[in-house]
């Protein structure tokens, strides 16, 4: 068994091997430098990635909180019922008389103070509806008439004597509103079994001649219409009679998409005072007290 060097005694190193042993090894300082550079780079990169992750997490949480806040706000808006603005119609007659006079002066702005006094609607002809504490919306209209204007309720349930002679004129600002009011007034609680028809009168889709023909052949309890169409029928034809007329309701509580009432809109306000309340037979009835003005 051999010990020590395993090379044979006569072994001669190969030239190539000898040369390789003599080659210079790389400078250990350079290797250390390269290693330290890599390690430093890793140390610098690690905090940057950590900071980026923290920023993303913070942004995610902020978005989640904002989304939750908006969801709560939307849910609150859905659960809270809109507050109905107070209606001018709920005021006592003395205040309503002032309101009607101011609106009339705007509509008839070419008239002098003396001329306006001659066409002013007296306070005594304006119904006192202050006992009504409910909403002045259409779903309450039937109860409003029954409880606050009982005389009108009685007359609506009676059989009309003449064609085209309603006991009630209901003045609304737009065709769609007229259609809605007409449906409500057809309630059997108001008309009973004998009450007349409820006329729906507006210019959209209907010619004036069609309404004239309808009124002349039909016994009606009430005529619901826009001030423009009602005014033309009252002033330009004999189809809409005032012989049985006892009440006029102005639909002043309803507000359109722009939050305007019947008397806020210049066009409808002018037509109300010039051709409906200003129609000679209507104005005469209001001033004599045979026709009562009701604000709803």
Protein backbone atom coordinates (compact mmCIF):
# COMPACT_ATOMS: atom_id res chain seq x y z
CA UNK A 1 0.00 0.00 0.00
CA UNK A 2 1.33 3.34 -1.07
CA UNK A 3 1.36 6.43 1.08
CA UNK A 4 2.07 10.09 0.39
CA UNK A 5 2.12 11.27 -3.16
CA UNK A 6 0.28 8.93 -5.54
CA UNK A 7 2.28 10.13 -8.54
CA UNK A 8 4.79 7.81 -9.99
CA UNK A 9 8.46 8.59 -9.38
CA UNK A 10 9.17 9.06 -13.03
CA UNK A 11 6.08 11.31 -13.62
CA UNK A 12 6.77 14.40 -15.71
CA UNK A 13 4.11 17.19 -15.61
CA UNK A 14 2.40 17.93 -18.91
CA UNK A 15 3.41 21.26 -20.39
CA UNK A 16 -0.20 22.39 -20.64
CA UNK A 17 -0.92 21.61 -17.03
CA UNK A 18 2.21 23.38 -15.93
CA UNK A 19 1.31 26.48 -17.81
CA UNK A 20 -2.22 26.56 -16.34
CA UNK A 21 -0.78 26.40 -12.87
CA UNK A 22 1.24 29.45 -13.57
CA UNK A 23 -1.70 31.59 -14.87
CA UNK A 24 -2.59 34.53 -12.67
CA UNK A 25 -5.74 34.20 -10.64
CA UNK A 26 -8.21 37.09 -10.77
CA UNK A 27 -7.70 39.81 -8.21
CA UNK A 28 -9.69 38.87 -5.16
CA UNK A 29 -10.31 42.52 -4.45
CA UNK A 30 -12.16 42.87 -7.79
CA UNK A 31 -14.38 39.92 -6.96
CA UNK A 32 -15.14 41.34 -3.57
CA UNK A 33 -16.00 44.63 -5.21
CA UNK A 34 -18.41 43.00 -7.63
CA UNK A 35 -20.05 41.03 -4.88
CA UNK A 36 -20.42 44.05 -2.65
CA UNK A 37 -21.89 46.05 -5.56
CA UNK A 38 -24.56 43.39 -6.14
CA UNK A 39 -25.37 43.13 -2.48
CA UNK A 40 -25.63 46.92 -2.16
CA UNK A 41 -28.00 46.99 -5.14
CA UNK A 42 -30.26 44.39 -3.54
CA UNK A 43 -30.30 46.37 -0.30
CA UNK A 44 -31.30 49.56 -2.16
CA UNK A 45 -33.99 47.86 -4.30
CA UNK A 46 -35.67 46.14 -1.37
CA UNK A 47 -36.87 49.33 0.40
CA UNK A 48 -38.13 50.76 -2.95
CA UNK A 49 -40.33 47.71 -3.62
CA UNK A 50 -41.60 47.77 -0.07
CA UNK A 51 -42.50 51.46 -0.31
CA UNK A 52 -44.29 50.88 -3.62
CA UNK A 53 -46.36 48.05 -2.15
CA UNK A 54 -47.27 50.19 0.84
CA UNK A 55 -48.36 53.07 -1.42
CA UNK A 56 -50.56 50.75 -3.50
CA UNK A 57 -52.15 49.31 -0.38
CA UNK A 58 -52.83 52.80 0.96
CA UNK A 59 -54.40 53.83 -2.37
CA UNK A 60 -56.54 50.69 -2.40
CA UNK A 61 -57.82 51.37 1.12
CA UNK A 62 -58.58 55.00 0.22
CA UNK A 63 -60.62 53.90 -2.81
CA UNK A 64 -62.48 51.33 -0.75
CA UNK A 65 -63.39 53.97 1.86
CA UNK A 66 -64.55 56.39 -0.86
CA UNK A 67 -66.68 53.68 -2.45
CA UNK A 68 -68.21 52.84 0.92
CA UNK A 69 -68.93 56.53 1.63
CA UNK A 70 -70.70 56.96 -1.73
CA UNK A 71 -72.75 53.81 -1.16
CA UNK A 72 -73.91 55.10 2.26
CA UNK A 73 -74.78 58.49 0.78
CA UNK A 74 -76.78 56.87 -2.04
CA UNK A 75 -78.63 54.61 0.41
CA UNK A 76 -79.47 57.58 2.62
CA UNK A 77 -80.82 59.53 -0.36
CA UNK A 78 -83.06 56.61 -1.28
CA UNK A 79 -84.48 56.21 2.21
CA UNK A 80 -85.15 59.89 2.96
CA UNK A 81 -88.48 61.05 1.52
CA UNK A 82 -88.37 64.34 -0.42
CA UNK A 83 -89.78 67.25 1.56
CA UNK A 84 -92.80 68.78 -0.10
CA UNK A 85 -92.49 72.57 -0.31
CA UNK A 86 -95.29 74.46 1.48
CA UNK A 87 -98.14 75.41 -0.85
CA UNK A 88 -99.37 78.98 -1.20
CA UNK A 89 -102.85 77.45 -1.34
CA UNK A 90 -102.71 76.65 2.39
CA UNK A 91 -102.83 80.36 3.28
CA UNK A 92 -106.02 82.03 4.63
CA UNK A 93 -108.28 83.93 2.17
CA UNK A 94 -106.95 87.37 3.12
CA UNK A 95 -103.43 86.35 2.09
CA UNK A 96 -104.65 84.46 -0.96
CA UNK A 97 -106.51 87.59 -2.09
CA UNK A 98 -103.23 89.55 -1.99
CA UNK A 99 -101.45 86.76 -3.87
CA UNK A 100 -104.12 86.59 -6.57
CA UNK A 101 -104.08 90.38 -6.92
CA UNK A 102 -100.29 90.44 -7.35
CA UNK A 103 -100.41 87.69 -9.99
CA UNK A 104 -103.27 89.46 -11.74
CA UNK A 105 -101.28 92.70 -11.85
CA UNK A 106 -98.36 90.86 -13.50
CA UNK A 107 -100.65 89.33 -16.11
CA UNK A 108 -102.53 92.57 -16.82
CA UNK A 109 -99.50 94.87 -16.62
CA UNK A 110 -100.91 97.32 -19.14
CA UNK A 111 -103.75 98.24 -16.78
CA UNK A 112 -103.67 101.10 -14.31
CA UNK A 113 -104.38 100.65 -10.61
CA UNK A 114 -107.96 101.88 -11.08
CA UNK A 115 -108.56 99.46 -13.95
CA UNK A 116 -107.16 96.56 -11.93
CA UNK A 117 -109.48 97.40 -9.05
CA UNK A 118 -112.44 96.92 -11.42
CA UNK A 119 -111.40 93.33 -12.22
CA UNK A 120 -110.05 92.36 -8.80
CA UNK A 121 -111.36 89.09 -7.33
CA UNK A 122 -112.82 89.80 -3.88
CA UNK A 123 -111.59 87.96 -0.81
CA UNK A 124 -115.15 86.78 -0.11
CA UNK A 125 -115.07 84.70 -3.32
CA UNK A 126 -111.92 82.81 -2.32
CA UNK A 127 -112.55 79.55 -0.43
CA UNK A 128 -111.05 79.11 3.02
CA UNK A 129 -109.21 75.76 2.92
CA UNK A 130 -107.03 76.22 6.01
CA UNK A 131 -108.80 73.35 7.78
CA UNK A 132 -107.09 70.93 5.39
CA UNK A 133 -103.87 69.68 6.98
CA UNK A 134 -103.06 66.98 4.44
CA UNK A 135 -100.93 67.09 1.31
CA UNK A 136 -102.23 68.96 -1.74
CA UNK A 137 -101.33 66.19 -4.11
CA UNK A 138 -103.64 64.38 -6.52
CA UNK A 139 -103.96 61.29 -4.34
CA UNK A 140 -105.61 63.58 -1.75
CA UNK A 141 -107.84 65.59 -4.13
CA UNK A 142 -111.00 63.48 -3.68
CA UNK A 143 -110.81 63.69 0.12
CA UNK A 144 -109.99 67.39 -0.11
CA UNK A 145 -113.18 68.11 -2.08
CA UNK A 146 -115.35 65.92 0.16
CA UNK A 147 -114.11 67.46 3.42
CA UNK A 148 -113.22 71.05 2.51
CA UNK A 149 -115.63 71.88 -0.34
CA UNK A 150 -118.74 69.82 0.52
CA UNK A 151 -121.05 71.95 -1.65
CA UNK A 152 -118.93 71.10 -4.70
CA UNK A 153 -119.00 67.41 -3.74
CA UNK A 154 -122.80 67.49 -3.63
CA UNK A 155 -123.10 69.17 -7.02
CA UNK A 156 -120.63 66.82 -8.69
CA UNK A 157 -122.81 63.88 -7.71
CA UNK A 158 -125.95 65.43 -9.20
CA UNK A 159 -127.16 64.89 -12.76
CA UNK A 160 -126.36 67.94 -14.93
CA UNK A 161 -129.34 69.65 -16.56
CA UNK A 162 -127.68 71.09 -19.66
CA UNK A 163 -125.00 70.00 -22.12
CA UNK A 164 -121.58 71.63 -21.79
CA UNK A 165 -122.46 73.33 -18.48
CA UNK A 166 -120.13 72.07 -15.71
CA UNK A 167 -120.34 72.94 -12.03
CA UNK A 168 -116.52 72.89 -11.82
CA UNK A 169 -113.66 74.26 -13.92
CA UNK A 170 -110.31 72.78 -12.93
CA UNK A 171 -107.39 74.76 -14.39
CA UNK A 172 -104.07 72.89 -14.79
CA UNK A 173 -100.86 74.01 -16.47
CA UNK A 174 -100.10 71.20 -18.92
CA UNK A 175 -101.82 68.46 -20.94
CA UNK A 176 -100.34 65.58 -18.93
CA UNK A 177 -101.47 67.17 -15.68
CA UNK A 178 -104.97 67.64 -17.13
CA UNK A 179 -105.12 63.92 -17.98
CA UNK A 180 -104.03 62.97 -14.44
CA UNK A 181 -106.59 65.27 -12.78
CA UNK A 182 -109.36 63.98 -15.07
CA UNK A 183 -108.73 60.39 -13.96
CA UNK A 184 -108.93 61.42 -10.28
CA UNK A 185 -112.16 63.39 -10.68
CA UNK A 186 -113.86 60.38 -12.32
CA UNK A 187 -113.79 58.67 -8.92
CA UNK A 188 -117.24 57.34 -8.00
CA UNK A 189 -116.91 58.83 -4.52
CA UNK A 190 -117.33 62.23 -6.14
CA UNK A 191 -119.74 61.55 -9.00
CA UNK A 192 -121.85 58.78 -7.54
CA UNK A 193 -124.18 57.10 -10.01
CA UNK A 194 -125.78 60.23 -11.48
CA UNK A 195 -122.87 62.62 -11.92
CA UNK A 196 -122.00 63.88 -15.37
CA UNK A 197 -118.90 63.27 -17.46
CA UNK A 198 -115.49 64.80 -16.70
CA UNK A 199 -114.30 66.72 -19.77
CA UNK A 200 -110.60 66.62 -20.64
CA UNK A 201 -109.72 69.79 -22.52
CA UNK A 202 -106.30 70.66 -23.94
CA UNK A 203 -104.98 71.61 -27.38
CA UNK A 204 -102.50 68.74 -27.81
CA UNK A 205 -104.01 66.08 -30.14
CA UNK A 206 -107.45 67.79 -30.11
CA UNK A 207 -108.79 70.49 -32.40
CA UNK A 208 -110.99 73.20 -30.93
CA UNK A 209 -113.87 72.06 -33.16
CA UNK A 210 -113.71 68.57 -31.68
CA UNK A 211 -114.11 69.92 -28.18
CA UNK A 212 -116.97 72.20 -29.24
CA UNK A 213 -118.84 69.25 -30.75
CA UNK A 214 -118.19 67.09 -27.67
CA UNK A 215 -119.41 69.75 -25.21
CA UNK A 216 -122.58 70.46 -27.19
CA UNK A 217 -123.66 66.82 -27.04
CA UNK A 218 -122.46 65.90 -23.51
CA UNK A 219 -123.69 66.60 -19.99
CA UNK A 220 -120.57 67.26 -17.93
CA UNK A 221 -120.00 67.66 -14.18
CA UNK A 222 -116.53 69.18 -14.51
CA UNK A 223 -114.23 70.52 -17.20
CA UNK A 224 -110.51 69.99 -16.61
CA UNK A 225 -108.25 71.87 -18.97
CA UNK A 226 -105.26 74.04 -19.72
CA UNK A 227 -105.92 77.78 -19.44
CA UNK A 228 -105.30 78.19 -23.17
CA UNK A 229 -108.00 75.73 -24.26
CA UNK A 230 -110.48 76.66 -21.52
CA UNK A 231 -110.02 80.33 -22.38
CA UNK A 232 -110.73 79.77 -26.08
CA UNK A 233 -113.85 77.75 -25.33
CA UNK A 234 -115.10 80.42 -22.89
CA UNK A 235 -114.29 83.48 -24.99
CA UNK A 236 -114.46 82.31 -28.61
CA UNK A 237 -117.32 79.77 -28.54
CA UNK A 238 -120.62 79.17 -26.78
CA UNK A 239 -119.89 75.47 -26.18
CA UNK A 240 -118.62 75.83 -22.59
CA UNK A 241 -121.45 77.41 -20.59
CA UNK A 242 -121.19 79.03 -17.16
CA UNK A 243 -124.85 78.73 -16.21
CA UNK A 244 -124.18 75.90 -13.71
CA UNK A 245 -120.67 76.97 -12.72
CA UNK A 246 -120.13 77.24 -8.95
CA UNK A 247 -116.42 76.51 -8.43
CA UNK A 248 -113.08 77.08 -10.14
CA UNK A 249 -110.04 75.21 -8.83
CA UNK A 250 -106.58 76.55 -9.65
CA UNK A 251 -103.92 73.83 -9.56
CA UNK A 252 -101.27 76.03 -7.88
CA UNK A 253 -99.57 73.42 -5.66
CA UNK A 254 -98.26 71.31 -8.53
CA UNK A 255 -94.73 72.15 -9.71
CA UNK A 256 -93.21 71.25 -13.06
CA UNK A 257 -89.67 69.95 -13.70
CA UNK A 258 -88.35 73.49 -13.22
CA UNK A 259 -90.24 73.85 -9.91
CA UNK A 260 -92.72 76.37 -11.40
CA UNK A 261 -96.40 76.54 -10.51
CA UNK A 262 -99.35 77.39 -12.71
CA UNK A 263 -99.06 81.11 -11.90
CA UNK A 264 -95.25 81.24 -12.00
CA UNK A 265 -95.15 80.60 -15.76
CA UNK A 266 -95.87 83.87 -17.62
CA UNK A 267 -97.78 82.21 -20.49
CA UNK A 268 -100.17 80.21 -18.33
CA UNK A 269 -100.54 83.06 -15.81
CA UNK A 270 -101.58 85.45 -18.59
CA UNK A 271 -104.10 82.99 -19.98
CA UNK A 272 -105.58 82.31 -16.52
CA UNK A 273 -106.29 85.99 -15.81
CA UNK A 274 -107.05 87.17 -19.34
CA UNK A 275 -109.24 84.37 -20.75
CA UNK A 276 -110.40 82.13 -17.88
CA UNK A 277 -110.91 84.28 -14.76
CA UNK A 278 -111.10 87.26 -17.07
CA UNK A 279 -113.88 85.84 -19.26
CA UNK A 280 -116.79 88.29 -18.76
CA UNK A 281 -119.33 85.77 -17.41
CA UNK A 282 -116.74 84.12 -15.12
CA UNK A 283 -115.45 87.43 -13.75
CA UNK A 284 -119.01 88.61 -13.17
CA UNK A 285 -119.80 85.43 -11.20
CA UNK A 286 -116.65 85.80 -9.09
CA UNK A 287 -117.37 89.41 -8.26
CA UNK A 288 -121.02 88.68 -7.42
CA UNK A 289 -120.13 85.68 -5.28
CA UNK A 290 -121.95 83.00 -7.32
CA UNK A 291 -118.64 81.39 -8.30
CA UNK A 292 -116.06 80.43 -5.67
CA UNK A 293 -112.31 80.30 -6.37
CA UNK A 294 -110.47 77.37 -4.75
CA UNK A 295 -106.69 77.06 -4.68
CA UNK A 296 -105.39 73.51 -4.49
